[in-house]
Amino acid sequence: MARLAIRAAEMEDKLEQEDLLNWRRHPVTARFLMALEVWQVGLMEQWASGVFQKDTAQATVEANAAAIGERTCLNRILKLTADEINQILSSGEEDDEELDLANRARTQAARGD
């Protein structure tokens, strides 16, 4: 993780909002962002149709919490601003622990832990 922080710190140019908007308008990026939005809507449709209802209350709570977390993450990514991206990239090594926790959570979710 330290390498990631160093690489981010080496970026001298700040991302400007106009550059981010231009990137979002690029056809490849636009399709990628559309796919994230479709994924987000799909999660909401699954929730509405009861896909996350499980055999036990605890399992239902866990499935719903995972889906809500996934949707929240997708929404957060879709709404990132240039200032937020710059802040994330300039925050340095103090965020390594948070990144490690996020990576562990994704790994556990993928394994179904």
PDB file of N, CA and C in Angstrom:
ATOM      1  N   MET A   1       0.807  -1.197   0.000  1.00  0.00           N
ATOM      2  CA  MET A   1       0.000   0.000   0.000  1.00  0.00           C
ATOM      3  C   MET A   1       0.849   1.259   0.000  1.00  0.00           C
ATOM      4  N   ALA A   2       2.017   1.198   0.604  1.00  0.00           N
ATOM      5  CA  ALA A   2       2.879   2.374   0.621  1.00  0.00           C
ATOM      6  C   ALA A   2       3.243   2.781  -0.803  1.00  0.00           C
ATOM      7  N   ARG A   3       3.446   1.794  -1.703  1.00  0.00           N
ATOM      8  CA  ARG A   3       3.774   2.112  -3.092  1.00  0.00           C
ATOM      9  C   ARG A   3       2.649   2.900  -3.752  1.00  0.00           C
ATOM     10  N   LEU A   4       1.413   2.539  -3.432  1.00  0.00           N
ATOM     11  CA  LEU A   4       0.266   3.252  -3.976  1.00  0.00           C
ATOM     12  C   LEU A   4       0.276   4.701  -3.505  1.00  0.00           C
ATOM     13  N   ALA A   5       0.553   4.922  -2.239  1.00  0.00           N
ATOM     14  CA  ALA A   5       0.602   6.278  -1.697  1.00  0.00           C
ATOM     15  C   ALA A   5       1.737   7.072  -2.326  1.00  0.00           C
ATOM     16  N   ILE A   6       2.873   6.435  -2.548  1.00  0.00           N
ATOM     17  CA  ILE A   6       4.011   7.115  -3.173  1.00  0.00           C
ATOM     18  C   ILE A   6       3.661   7.492  -4.603  1.00  0.00           C
ATOM     19  N   ARG A   7       3.080   6.557  -5.358  1.00  0.00           N
ATOM     20  CA  ARG A   7       2.707   6.830  -6.736  1.00  0.00           C
ATOM     21  C   ARG A   7       1.710   7.998  -6.801  1.00  0.00           C
ATOM     22  N   ALA A   8       0.751   8.022  -5.904  1.00  0.00           N
ATOM     23  CA  ALA A   8      -0.222   9.104  -5.879  1.00  0.00           C
ATOM     24  C   ALA A   8       0.447  10.421  -5.515  1.00  0.00           C
ATOM     25  N   ALA A   9       1.394  10.368  -4.579  1.00  0.00           N
ATOM     26  CA  ALA A   9       2.088  11.584  -4.161  1.00  0.00           C
ATOM     27  C   ALA A   9       2.954  12.148  -5.281  1.00  0.00           C
ATOM     28  N   GLU A  10       3.419  11.285  -6.188  1.00  0.00           N
ATOM     29  CA  GLU A  10       4.252  11.735  -7.291  1.00  0.00           C
ATOM     30  C   GLU A  10       3.459  12.482  -8.357  1.00  0.00           C
ATOM     31  N   MET A  11       2.152  12.383  -8.329  1.00  0.00           N
ATOM     32  CA  MET A  11       1.317  13.087  -9.299  1.00  0.00           C
ATOM     33  C   MET A  11       1.312  14.567  -8.935  1.00  0.00           C
ATOM     34  N   GLU A  12       1.988  15.350  -9.741  1.00  0.00           N
ATOM     35  CA  GLU A  12       2.108  16.769  -9.430  1.00  0.00           C
ATOM     36  C   GLU A  12       0.871  17.543  -9.855  1.00  0.00           C
ATOM     37  N   ASP A  13       0.278  17.165 -10.959  1.00  0.00           N
ATOM     38  CA  ASP A  13      -0.881  17.888 -11.464  1.00  0.00           C
ATOM     39  C   ASP A  13      -2.139  17.454 -10.738  1.00  0.00           C
ATOM     40  N   LYS A  14      -2.904  18.429 -10.341  1.00  0.00           N
ATOM     41  CA  LYS A  14      -4.202  18.145  -9.742  1.00  0.00           C
ATOM     42  C   LYS A  14      -5.208  17.912 -10.858  1.00  0.00           C
ATOM     43  N   LEU A  15      -6.138  17.041 -10.603  1.00  0.00           N
ATOM     44  CA  LEU A  15      -7.219  16.801 -11.547  1.00  0.00           C
ATOM     45  C   LEU A  15      -8.190  17.973 -11.481  1.00  0.00           C
ATOM     46  N   GLU A  16      -8.482  18.550 -12.616  1.00  0.00           N
ATOM     47  CA  GLU A  16      -9.440  19.651 -12.678  1.00  0.00           C
ATOM     48  C   GLU A  16     -10.829  19.084 -12.982  1.00  0.00           C
ATOM     49  N   GLN A  17     -11.856  19.741 -12.482  1.00  0.00           N
ATOM     50  CA  GLN A  17     -13.222  19.278 -12.691  1.00  0.00           C
ATOM     51  C   GLN A  17     -13.538  19.177 -14.185  1.00  0.00           C
ATOM     52  N   GLU A  18     -13.045  20.126 -14.969  1.00  0.00           N
ATOM     53  CA  GLU A  18     -13.283  20.099 -16.416  1.00  0.00           C
ATOM     54  C   GLU A  18     -12.679  18.837 -17.050  1.00  0.00           C
ATOM     55  N   ASP A  19     -11.471  18.448 -16.589  1.00  0.00           N
ATOM     56  CA  ASP A  19     -10.840  17.226 -17.104  1.00  0.00           C
ATOM     57  C   ASP A  19     -11.663  15.995 -16.740  1.00  0.00           C
ATOM     58  N   LEU A  20     -12.178  15.977 -15.515  1.00  0.00           N
ATOM     59  CA  LEU A  20     -13.009  14.857 -15.081  1.00  0.00           C
ATOM     60  C   LEU A  20     -14.277  14.771 -15.934  1.00  0.00           C
ATOM     61  N   LEU A  21     -14.889  15.910 -16.196  1.00  0.00           N
ATOM     62  CA  LEU A  21     -16.096  15.924 -17.031  1.00  0.00           C
ATOM     63  C   LEU A  21     -15.793  15.455 -18.450  1.00  0.00           C
ATOM     64  N   ASN A  22     -14.665  15.889 -18.991  1.00  0.00           N
ATOM     65  CA  ASN A  22     -14.265  15.430 -20.330  1.00  0.00           C
ATOM     66  C   ASN A  22     -14.043  13.924 -20.339  1.00  0.00           C
ATOM     67  N   TRP A  23     -13.418  13.413 -19.285  1.00  0.00           N
ATOM     68  CA  TRP A  23     -13.189  11.962 -19.171  1.00  0.00           C
ATOM     69  C   TRP A  23     -14.528  11.228 -19.099  1.00  0.00           C
ATOM     70  N   ARG A  24     -15.459  11.766 -18.314  1.00  0.00           N
ATOM     71  CA  ARG A  24     -16.774  11.132 -18.187  1.00  0.00           C
ATOM     72  C   ARG A  24     -17.534  11.126 -19.516  1.00  0.00           C
ATOM     73  N   ARG A  25     -17.285  12.116 -20.364  1.00  0.00           N
ATOM     74  CA  ARG A  25     -17.969  12.201 -21.652  1.00  0.00           C
ATOM     75  C   ARG A  25     -17.365  11.277 -22.708  1.00  0.00           C
ATOM     76  N   HIS A  26     -16.162  10.784 -22.469  1.00  0.00           N
ATOM     77  CA  HIS A  26     -15.534   9.892 -23.448  1.00  0.00           C
ATOM     78  C   HIS A  26     -16.440   8.671 -23.632  1.00  0.00           C
ATOM     79  N   PRO A  27     -16.610   8.193 -24.873  1.00  0.00           N
ATOM     80  CA  PRO A  27     -17.545   7.084 -25.124  1.00  0.00           C
ATOM     81  C   PRO A  27     -17.265   5.823 -24.296  1.00  0.00           C
ATOM     82  N   VAL A  28     -16.010   5.473 -24.112  1.00  0.00           N
ATOM     83  CA  VAL A  28     -15.688   4.276 -23.324  1.00  0.00           C
ATOM     84  C   VAL A  28     -16.057   4.502 -21.863  1.00  0.00           C
ATOM     85  N   THR A  29     -15.684   5.663 -21.343  1.00  0.00           N
ATOM     86  CA  THR A  29     -16.009   5.981 -19.952  1.00  0.00           C
ATOM     87  C   THR A  29     -17.520   6.058 -19.756  1.00  0.00           C
ATOM     88  N   ALA A  30     -18.204   6.685 -20.712  1.00  0.00           N
ATOM     89  CA  ALA A  30     -19.658   6.812 -20.607  1.00  0.00           C
ATOM     90  C   ALA A  30     -20.324   5.438 -20.532  1.00  0.00           C
ATOM     91  N   ARG A  31     -19.833   4.492 -21.332  1.00  0.00           N
ATOM     92  CA  ARG A  31     -20.396   3.128 -21.290  1.00  0.00           C
ATOM     93  C   ARG A  31     -20.087   2.457 -19.950  1.00  0.00           C
ATOM     94  N   PHE A  32     -18.872   2.649 -19.462  1.00  0.00           N
ATOM     95  CA  PHE A  32     -18.485   2.074 -18.172  1.00  0.00           C
ATOM     96  C   PHE A  32     -19.365   2.638 -17.053  1.00  0.00           C
ATOM     97  N   LEU A  33     -19.537   3.953 -17.027  1.00  0.00           N
ATOM     98  CA  LEU A  33     -20.369   4.575 -16.003  1.00  0.00           C
ATOM     99  C   LEU A  33     -21.824   4.136 -16.126  1.00  0.00           C
ATOM    100  N   MET A  34     -22.295   3.963 -17.362  1.00  0.00           N
ATOM    101  CA  MET A  34     -23.657   3.463 -17.581  1.00  0.00           C
ATOM    102  C   MET A  34     -23.783   2.052 -17.001  1.00  0.00           C
ATOM    103  N   ALA A  35     -22.756   1.228 -17.199  1.00  0.00           N
ATOM    104  CA  ALA A  35     -22.789  -0.133 -16.646  1.00  0.00           C
ATOM    105  C   ALA A  35     -22.867  -0.090 -15.127  1.00  0.00           C
ATOM    106  N   LEU A  36     -22.138   0.828 -14.490  1.00  0.00           N
ATOM    107  CA  LEU A  36     -22.217   0.961 -13.034  1.00  0.00           C
ATOM    108  C   LEU A  36     -23.614   1.383 -12.596  1.00  0.00           C
ATOM    109  N   GLU A  37     -24.229   2.287 -13.359  1.00  0.00           N
ATOM    110  CA  GLU A  37     -25.591   2.730 -13.029  1.00  0.00           C
ATOM    111  C   GLU A  37     -26.593   1.589 -13.192  1.00  0.00           C
ATOM    112  N   VAL A  38     -26.439   0.802 -14.252  1.00  0.00           N
ATOM    113  CA  VAL A  38     -27.321  -0.349 -14.467  1.00  0.00           C
ATOM    114  C   VAL A  38     -27.146  -1.356 -13.329  1.00  0.00           C
ATOM    115  N   TRP A  39     -25.911  -1.576 -12.923  1.00  0.00           N
ATOM    116  CA  TRP A  39     -25.618  -2.479 -11.803  1.00  0.00           C
ATOM    117  C   TRP A  39     -26.326  -1.980 -10.547  1.00  0.00           C
ATOM    118  N   GLN A  40     -26.254  -0.677 -10.307  1.00  0.00           N
ATOM    119  CA  GLN A  40     -26.877  -0.077  -9.139  1.00  0.00           C
ATOM    120  C   GLN A  40     -28.398  -0.272  -9.173  1.00  0.00           C
ATOM    121  N   VAL A  41     -29.007  -0.012 -10.305  1.00  0.00           N
ATOM    122  CA  VAL A  41     -30.459  -0.201 -10.456  1.00  0.00           C
ATOM    123  C   VAL A  41     -30.812  -1.674 -10.276  1.00  0.00           C
ATOM    124  N   GLY A  42     -29.980  -2.553 -10.815  1.00  0.00           N
ATOM    125  CA  GLY A  42     -30.200  -3.992 -10.654  1.00  0.00           C
ATOM    126  C   GLY A  42     -30.231  -4.410  -9.193  1.00  0.00           C
ATOM    127  N   LEU A  43     -29.325  -3.846  -8.402  1.00  0.00           N
ATOM    128  CA  LEU A  43     -29.333  -4.152  -6.961  1.00  0.00           C
ATOM    129  C   LEU A  43     -30.636  -3.707  -6.313  1.00  0.00           C
ATOM    130  N   MET A  44     -31.110  -2.526  -6.682  1.00  0.00           N
ATOM    131  CA  MET A  44     -32.367  -2.029  -6.105  1.00  0.00           C
ATOM    132  C   MET A  44     -33.544  -2.898  -6.535  1.00  0.00           C
ATOM    133  N   GLU A  45     -33.529  -3.348  -7.786  1.00  0.00           N
ATOM    134  CA  GLU A  45     -34.601  -4.228  -8.267  1.00  0.00           C
ATOM    135  C   GLU A  45     -34.556  -5.579  -7.555  1.00  0.00           C
ATOM    136  N   GLN A  46     -33.359  -6.092  -7.335  1.00  0.00           N
ATOM    137  CA  GLN A  46     -33.225  -7.355  -6.593  1.00  0.00           C
ATOM    138  C   GLN A  46     -33.767  -7.195  -5.181  1.00  0.00           C
ATOM    139  N   TRP A  47     -33.436  -6.073  -4.549  1.00  0.00           N
ATOM    140  CA  TRP A  47     -33.912  -5.824  -3.192  1.00  0.00           C
ATOM    141  C   TRP A  47     -35.438  -5.767  -3.179  1.00  0.00           C
ATOM    142  N   ALA A  48     -36.006  -5.038  -4.148  1.00  0.00           N
ATOM    143  CA  ALA A  48     -37.467  -4.897  -4.206  1.00  0.00           C
ATOM    144  C   ALA A  48     -38.157  -6.232  -4.453  1.00  0.00           C
ATOM    145  N   SER A  49     -37.496  -7.125  -5.176  1.00  0.00           N
ATOM    146  CA  SER A  49     -38.118  -8.424  -5.473  1.00  0.00           C
ATOM    147  C   SER A  49     -37.844  -9.472  -4.396  1.00  0.00           C
ATOM    148  N   GLY A  50     -37.123  -9.087  -3.350  1.00  0.00           N
ATOM    149  CA  GLY A  50     -36.929  -9.997  -2.221  1.00  0.00           C
ATOM    150  C   GLY A  50     -35.758 -10.946  -2.333  1.00  0.00           C
ATOM    151  N   VAL A  51     -34.853 -10.690  -3.269  1.00  0.00           N
ATOM    152  CA  VAL A  51     -33.697 -11.576  -3.456  1.00  0.00           C
ATOM    153  C   VAL A  51     -32.865 -11.686  -2.183  1.00  0.00           C
ATOM    154  N   PHE A  52     -32.848 -10.630  -1.381  1.00  0.00           N
ATOM    155  CA  PHE A  52     -31.995 -10.622  -0.199  1.00  0.00           C
ATOM    156  C   PHE A  52     -32.708 -11.133   1.051  1.00  0.00           C
ATOM    157  N   GLN A  53     -33.923 -11.666   0.878  1.00  0.00           N
ATOM    158  CA  GLN A  53     -34.621 -12.311   1.987  1.00  0.00           C
ATOM    159  C   GLN A  53     -34.047 -13.716   2.144  1.00  0.00           C
ATOM    160  N   LYS A  54     -33.567 -14.015   3.317  1.00  0.00           N
ATOM    161  CA  LYS A  54     -32.919 -15.307   3.575  1.00  0.00           C
ATOM    162  C   LYS A  54     -33.708 -16.107   4.601  1.00  0.00           C
ATOM    163  N   ASP A  55     -33.188 -17.291   4.935  1.00  0.00           N
ATOM    164  CA  ASP A  55     -33.881 -18.199   5.847  1.00  0.00           C
ATOM    165  C   ASP A  55     -33.952 -17.685   7.280  1.00  0.00           C
ATOM    166  N   THR A  56     -32.947 -16.916   7.684  1.00  0.00           N
ATOM    167  CA  THR A  56     -32.942 -16.393   9.054  1.00  0.00           C
ATOM    168  C   THR A  56     -32.876 -14.878   9.021  1.00  0.00           C
ATOM    169  N   ALA A  57     -33.296 -14.276  10.133  1.00  0.00           N
ATOM    170  CA  ALA A  57     -33.257 -12.813  10.226  1.00  0.00           C
ATOM    171  C   ALA A  57     -31.815 -12.311  10.094  1.00  0.00           C
ATOM    172  N   GLN A  58     -30.890 -13.002  10.740  1.00  0.00           N
ATOM    173  CA  GLN A  58     -29.486 -12.583  10.685  1.00  0.00           C
ATOM    174  C   GLN A  58     -28.945 -12.650   9.254  1.00  0.00           C
ATOM    175  N   ALA A  59     -29.270 -13.712   8.546  1.00  0.00           N
ATOM    176  CA  ALA A  59     -28.809 -13.856   7.166  1.00  0.00           C
ATOM    177  C   ALA A  59     -29.432 -12.778   6.275  1.00  0.00           C
ATOM    178  N   THR A  60     -30.689 -12.442   6.543  1.00  0.00           N
ATOM    179  CA  THR A  60     -31.355 -11.380   5.783  1.00  0.00           C
ATOM    180  C   THR A  60     -30.696 -10.039   6.043  1.00  0.00           C
ATOM    181  N   VAL A  61     -30.413  -9.762   7.313  1.00  0.00           N
ATOM    182  CA  VAL A  61     -29.739  -8.508   7.671  1.00  0.00           C
ATOM    183  C   VAL A  61     -28.387  -8.424   6.979  1.00  0.00           C
ATOM    184  N   GLU A  62     -27.633  -9.513   6.994  1.00  0.00           N
ATOM    185  CA  GLU A  62     -26.296  -9.522   6.378  1.00  0.00           C
ATOM    186  C   GLU A  62     -26.383  -9.337   4.861  1.00  0.00           C
ATOM    187  N   ALA A  63     -27.323 -10.016   4.223  1.00  0.00           N
ATOM    188  CA  ALA A  63     -27.472  -9.899   2.773  1.00  0.00           C
ATOM    189  C   ALA A  63     -27.896  -8.483   2.386  1.00  0.00           C
ATOM    190  N   ASN A  64     -28.833  -7.917   3.140  1.00  0.00           N
ATOM    191  CA  ASN A  64     -29.273  -6.549   2.878  1.00  0.00           C
ATOM    192  C   ASN A  64     -28.153  -5.542   3.122  1.00  0.00           C
ATOM    193  N   ALA A  65     -27.409  -5.736   4.194  1.00  0.00           N
ATOM    194  CA  ALA A  65     -26.300  -4.826   4.497  1.00  0.00           C
ATOM    195  C   ALA A  65     -25.246  -4.871   3.394  1.00  0.00           C
ATOM    196  N   ALA A  66     -24.948  -6.058   2.886  1.00  0.00           N
ATOM    197  CA  ALA A  66     -23.967  -6.183   1.799  1.00  0.00           C
ATOM    198  C   ALA A  66     -24.469  -5.476   0.544  1.00  0.00           C
ATOM    199  N   ALA A  67     -25.736  -5.654   0.223  1.00  0.00           N
ATOM    200  CA  ALA A  67     -26.300  -5.012  -0.970  1.00  0.00           C
ATOM    201  C   ALA A  67     -26.334  -3.494  -0.816  1.00  0.00           C
ATOM    202  N   ILE A  68     -26.707  -3.033   0.369  1.00  0.00           N
ATOM    203  CA  ILE A  68     -26.731  -1.588   0.618  1.00  0.00           C
ATOM    204  C   ILE A  68     -25.316  -1.017   0.525  1.00  0.00           C
ATOM    205  N   GLY A  69     -24.351  -1.741   1.084  1.00  0.00           N
ATOM    206  CA  GLY A  69     -22.958  -1.306   1.001  1.00  0.00           C
ATOM    207  C   GLY A  69     -22.471  -1.242  -0.439  1.00  0.00           C
ATOM    208  N   GLU A  70     -22.840  -2.241  -1.219  1.00  0.00           N
ATOM    209  CA  GLU A  70     -22.443  -2.275  -2.632  1.00  0.00           C
ATOM    210  C   GLU A  70     -23.063  -1.102  -3.392  1.00  0.00           C
ATOM    211  N   ARG A  71     -24.341  -0.864  -3.162  1.00  0.00           N
ATOM    212  CA  ARG A  71     -25.017   0.251  -3.835  1.00  0.00           C
ATOM    213  C   ARG A  71     -24.427   1.581  -3.399  1.00  0.00           C
ATOM    214  N   THR A  72     -24.143   1.729  -2.121  1.00  0.00           N
ATOM    215  CA  THR A  72     -23.551   2.963  -1.610  1.00  0.00           C
ATOM    216  C   THR A  72     -22.190   3.213  -2.251  1.00  0.00           C
ATOM    217  N   CYS A  73     -21.407   2.158  -2.377  1.00  0.00           N
ATOM    218  CA  CYS A  73     -20.090   2.275  -2.998  1.00  0.00           C
ATOM    219  C   CYS A  73     -20.218   2.682  -4.465  1.00  0.00           C
ATOM    220  N   LEU A  74     -21.098   2.034  -5.196  1.00  0.00           N
ATOM    221  CA  LEU A  74     -21.314   2.387  -6.598  1.00  0.00           C
ATOM    222  C   LEU A  74     -21.747   3.846  -6.724  1.00  0.00           C
ATOM    223  N   ASN A  75     -22.676   4.260  -5.888  1.00  0.00           N
ATOM    224  CA  ASN A  75     -23.162   5.630  -5.911  1.00  0.00           C
ATOM    225  C   ASN A  75     -22.033   6.611  -5.616  1.00  0.00           C
ATOM    226  N   ARG A  76     -21.213   6.271  -4.653  1.00  0.00           N
ATOM    227  CA  ARG A  76     -20.083   7.136  -4.270  1.00  0.00           C
ATOM    228  C   ARG A  76     -19.103   7.290  -5.429  1.00  0.00           C
ATOM    229  N   ILE A  77     -18.786   6.187  -6.090  1.00  0.00           N
ATOM    230  CA  ILE A  77     -17.872   6.224  -7.229  1.00  0.00           C
ATOM    231  C   ILE A  77     -18.455   7.079  -8.349  1.00  0.00           C
ATOM    232  N   LEU A  78     -19.721   6.889  -8.628  1.00  0.00           N
ATOM    233  CA  LEU A  78     -20.364   7.627  -9.713  1.00  0.00           C
ATOM    234  C   LEU A  78     -20.406   9.134  -9.459  1.00  0.00           C
ATOM    235  N   LYS A  79     -20.371   9.544  -8.209  1.00  0.00           N
ATOM    236  CA  LYS A  79     -20.511  10.959  -7.880  1.00  0.00           C
ATOM    237  C   LYS A  79     -19.216  11.632  -7.449  1.00  0.00           C
ATOM    238  N   LEU A  80     -18.083  10.928  -7.554  1.00  0.00           N
ATOM    239  CA  LEU A  80     -16.813  11.534  -7.151  1.00  0.00           C
ATOM    240  C   LEU A  80     -16.534  12.807  -7.940  1.00  0.00           C
ATOM    241  N   THR A  81     -16.064  13.815  -7.250  1.00  0.00           N
ATOM    242  CA  THR A  81     -15.670  15.063  -7.897  1.00  0.00           C
ATOM    243  C   THR A  81     -14.150  15.099  -8.032  1.00  0.00           C
ATOM    244  N   ALA A  82     -13.664  16.030  -8.833  1.00  0.00           N
ATOM    245  CA  ALA A  82     -12.216  16.183  -9.000  1.00  0.00           C
ATOM    246  C   ALA A  82     -11.567  16.514  -7.660  1.00  0.00           C
ATOM    247  N   ASP A  83     -12.187  17.383  -6.871  1.00  0.00           N
ATOM    248  CA  ASP A  83     -11.624  17.732  -5.563  1.00  0.00           C
ATOM    249  C   ASP A  83     -11.513  16.518  -4.656  1.00  0.00           C
ATOM    250  N   GLU A  84     -12.544  15.675  -4.668  1.00  0.00           N
ATOM    251  CA  GLU A  84     -12.500  14.463  -3.834  1.00  0.00           C
ATOM    252  C   GLU A  84     -11.397  13.517  -4.306  1.00  0.00           C
ATOM    253  N   ILE A  85     -11.260  13.366  -5.612  1.00  0.00           N
ATOM    254  CA  ILE A  85     -10.202  12.501  -6.149  1.00  0.00           C
ATOM    255  C   ILE A  85      -8.840  13.047  -5.757  1.00  0.00           C
ATOM    256  N   ASN A  86      -8.648  14.349  -5.902  1.00  0.00           N
ATOM    257  CA  ASN A  86      -7.377  14.960  -5.511  1.00  0.00           C
ATOM    258  C   ASN A  86      -7.095  14.762  -4.033  1.00  0.00           C
ATOM    259  N   GLN A  87      -8.122  14.892  -3.214  1.00  0.00           N
ATOM    260  CA  GLN A  87      -7.955  14.710  -1.771  1.00  0.00           C
ATOM    261  C   GLN A  87      -7.574  13.270  -1.450  1.00  0.00           C
ATOM    262  N   ILE A  88      -8.216  12.313  -2.093  1.00  0.00           N
ATOM    263  CA  ILE A  88      -7.900  10.902  -1.881  1.00  0.00           C
ATOM    264  C   ILE A  88      -6.449  10.630  -2.257  1.00  0.00           C
ATOM    265  N   LEU A  89      -6.018  11.159  -3.396  1.00  0.00           N
ATOM    266  CA  LEU A  89      -4.663  10.895  -3.877  1.00  0.00           C
ATOM    267  C   LEU A  89      -3.598  11.637  -3.095  1.00  0.00           C
ATOM    268  N   SER A  90      -3.954  12.716  -2.435  1.00  0.00           N
ATOM    269  CA  SER A  90      -2.961  13.469  -1.675  1.00  0.00           C
ATOM    270  C   SER A  90      -2.943  13.114  -0.202  1.00  0.00           C
ATOM    271  N   SER A  91      -3.809  12.206   0.217  1.00  0.00           N
ATOM    272  CA  SER A  91      -3.930  11.916   1.647  1.00  0.00           C
ATOM    273  C   SER A  91      -2.767  11.103   2.195  1.00  0.00           C
ATOM    274  N   GLY A  92      -2.011  10.406   1.338  1.00  0.00           N
ATOM    275  CA  GLY A  92      -0.796   9.740   1.785  1.00  0.00           C
ATOM    276  C   GLY A  92      -1.018   8.438   2.510  1.00  0.00           C
ATOM    277  N   GLU A  93      -0.027   8.059   3.277  1.00  0.00           N
ATOM    278  CA  GLU A  93       0.019   6.739   3.894  1.00  0.00           C
ATOM    279  C   GLU A  93      -0.978   6.563   5.018  1.00  0.00           C
ATOM    280  N   GLU A  94      -1.502   7.649   5.597  1.00  0.00           N
ATOM    281  CA  GLU A  94      -2.434   7.474   6.707  1.00  0.00           C
ATOM    282  C   GLU A  94      -3.681   6.723   6.290  1.00  0.00           C
ATOM    283  N   ASP A  95      -3.948   6.647   4.979  1.00  0.00           N
ATOM    284  CA  ASP A  95      -5.116   5.926   4.498  1.00  0.00           C
ATOM    285  C   ASP A  95      -4.830   4.458   4.212  1.00  0.00           C
ATOM    286  N   ASP A  96      -3.573   4.032   4.330  1.00  0.00           N
ATOM    287  CA  ASP A  96      -3.226   2.653   4.027  1.00  0.00           C
ATOM    288  C   ASP A  96      -4.044   1.667   4.854  1.00  0.00           C
ATOM    289  N   GLU A  97      -4.257   1.972   6.136  1.00  0.00           N
ATOM    290  CA  GLU A  97      -5.024   1.068   6.990  1.00  0.00           C
ATOM    291  C   GLU A  97      -6.461   0.961   6.492  1.00  0.00           C
ATOM    292  N   GLU A  98      -7.065   2.073   6.097  1.00  0.00           N
ATOM    293  CA  GLU A  98      -8.423   2.043   5.568  1.00  0.00           C
ATOM    294  C   GLU A  98      -8.483   1.237   4.280  1.00  0.00           C
ATOM    295  N   LEU A  99      -7.486   1.405   3.398  1.00  0.00           N
ATOM    296  CA  LEU A  99      -7.446   0.647   2.164  1.00  0.00           C
ATOM    297  C   LEU A  99      -7.303  -0.842   2.454  1.00  0.00           C
ATOM    298  N   ASP A 100      -6.460  -1.192   3.432  1.00  0.00           N
ATOM    299  CA  ASP A 100      -6.298  -2.595   3.805  1.00  0.00           C
ATOM    300  C   ASP A 100      -7.616  -3.181   4.293  1.00  0.00           C
ATOM    301  N   LEU A 101      -8.347  -2.420   5.121  1.00  0.00           N
ATOM    302  CA  LEU A 101      -9.635  -2.893   5.634  1.00  0.00           C
ATOM    303  C   LEU A 101     -10.631  -3.063   4.496  1.00  0.00           C
ATOM    304  N   ALA A 102     -10.656  -2.123   3.568  1.00  0.00           N
ATOM    305  CA  ALA A 102     -11.574  -2.214   2.426  1.00  0.00           C
ATOM    306  C   ALA A 102     -11.228  -3.421   1.567  1.00  0.00           C
ATOM    307  N   ASN A 103      -9.949  -3.657   1.329  1.00  0.00           N
ATOM    308  CA  ASN A 103      -9.527  -4.813   0.533  1.00  0.00           C
ATOM    309  C   ASN A 103      -9.907  -6.115   1.220  1.00  0.00           C
ATOM    310  N   ARG A 104      -9.717  -6.180   2.528  1.00  0.00           N
ATOM    311  CA  ARG A 104     -10.096  -7.384   3.275  1.00  0.00           C
ATOM    312  C   ARG A 104     -11.609  -7.610   3.206  1.00  0.00           C
ATOM    313  N   ALA A 105     -12.385  -6.541   3.335  1.00  0.00           N
ATOM    314  CA  ALA A 105     -13.845  -6.665   3.276  1.00  0.00           C
ATOM    315  C   ALA A 105     -14.284  -7.178   1.907  1.00  0.00           C
ATOM    316  N   ARG A 106     -13.674  -6.669   0.828  1.00  0.00           N
ATOM    317  CA  ARG A 106     -14.022  -7.138  -0.519  1.00  0.00           C
ATOM    318  C   ARG A 106     -13.667  -8.603  -0.685  1.00  0.00           C
ATOM    319  N   THR A 107     -12.512  -9.010  -0.175  1.00  0.00           N
ATOM    320  CA  THR A 107     -12.088 -10.397  -0.280  1.00  0.00           C
ATOM    321  C   THR A 107     -13.053 -11.302   0.468  1.00  0.00           C
ATOM    322  N   GLN A 108     -13.433 -10.912   1.674  1.00  0.00           N
ATOM    323  CA  GLN A 108     -14.370 -11.709   2.455  1.00  0.00           C
ATOM    324  C   GLN A 108     -15.729 -11.794   1.778  1.00  0.00           C
ATOM    325  N   ALA A 109     -16.184 -10.667   1.208  1.00  0.00           N
ATOM    326  CA  ALA A 109     -17.476 -10.671   0.513  1.00  0.00           C
ATOM    327  C   ALA A 109     -17.430 -11.592  -0.699  1.00  0.00           C
ATOM    328  N   ALA A 110     -16.324 -11.573  -1.414  1.00  0.00           N
ATOM    329  CA  ALA A 110     -16.180 -12.421  -2.602  1.00  0.00           C
ATOM    330  C   ALA A 110     -16.189 -13.899  -2.221  1.00  0.00           C
ATOM    331  N   ARG A 111     -15.623 -14.208  -1.068  1.00  0.00           N
ATOM    332  CA  ARG A 111     -15.591 -15.599  -0.599  1.00  0.00           C
ATOM    333  C   ARG A 111     -16.903 -15.998   0.060  1.00  0.00           C
ATOM    334  N   GLY A 112     -17.728 -15.006   0.402  1.00  0.00           N
ATOM    335  CA  GLY A 112     -18.997 -15.298   1.062  1.00  0.00           C
ATOM    336  C   GLY A 112     -18.856 -15.452   2.566  1.00  0.00           C
ATOM    337  N   ASP A 113     -17.757 -14.907   3.143  1.00  0.00           N
ATOM    338  CA  ASP A 113     -17.549 -14.985   4.591  1.00  0.00           C
ATOM    339  C   ASP A 113     -18.523 -14.123   5.341  1.00  0.00           C
TER     340      ASP A 113
END
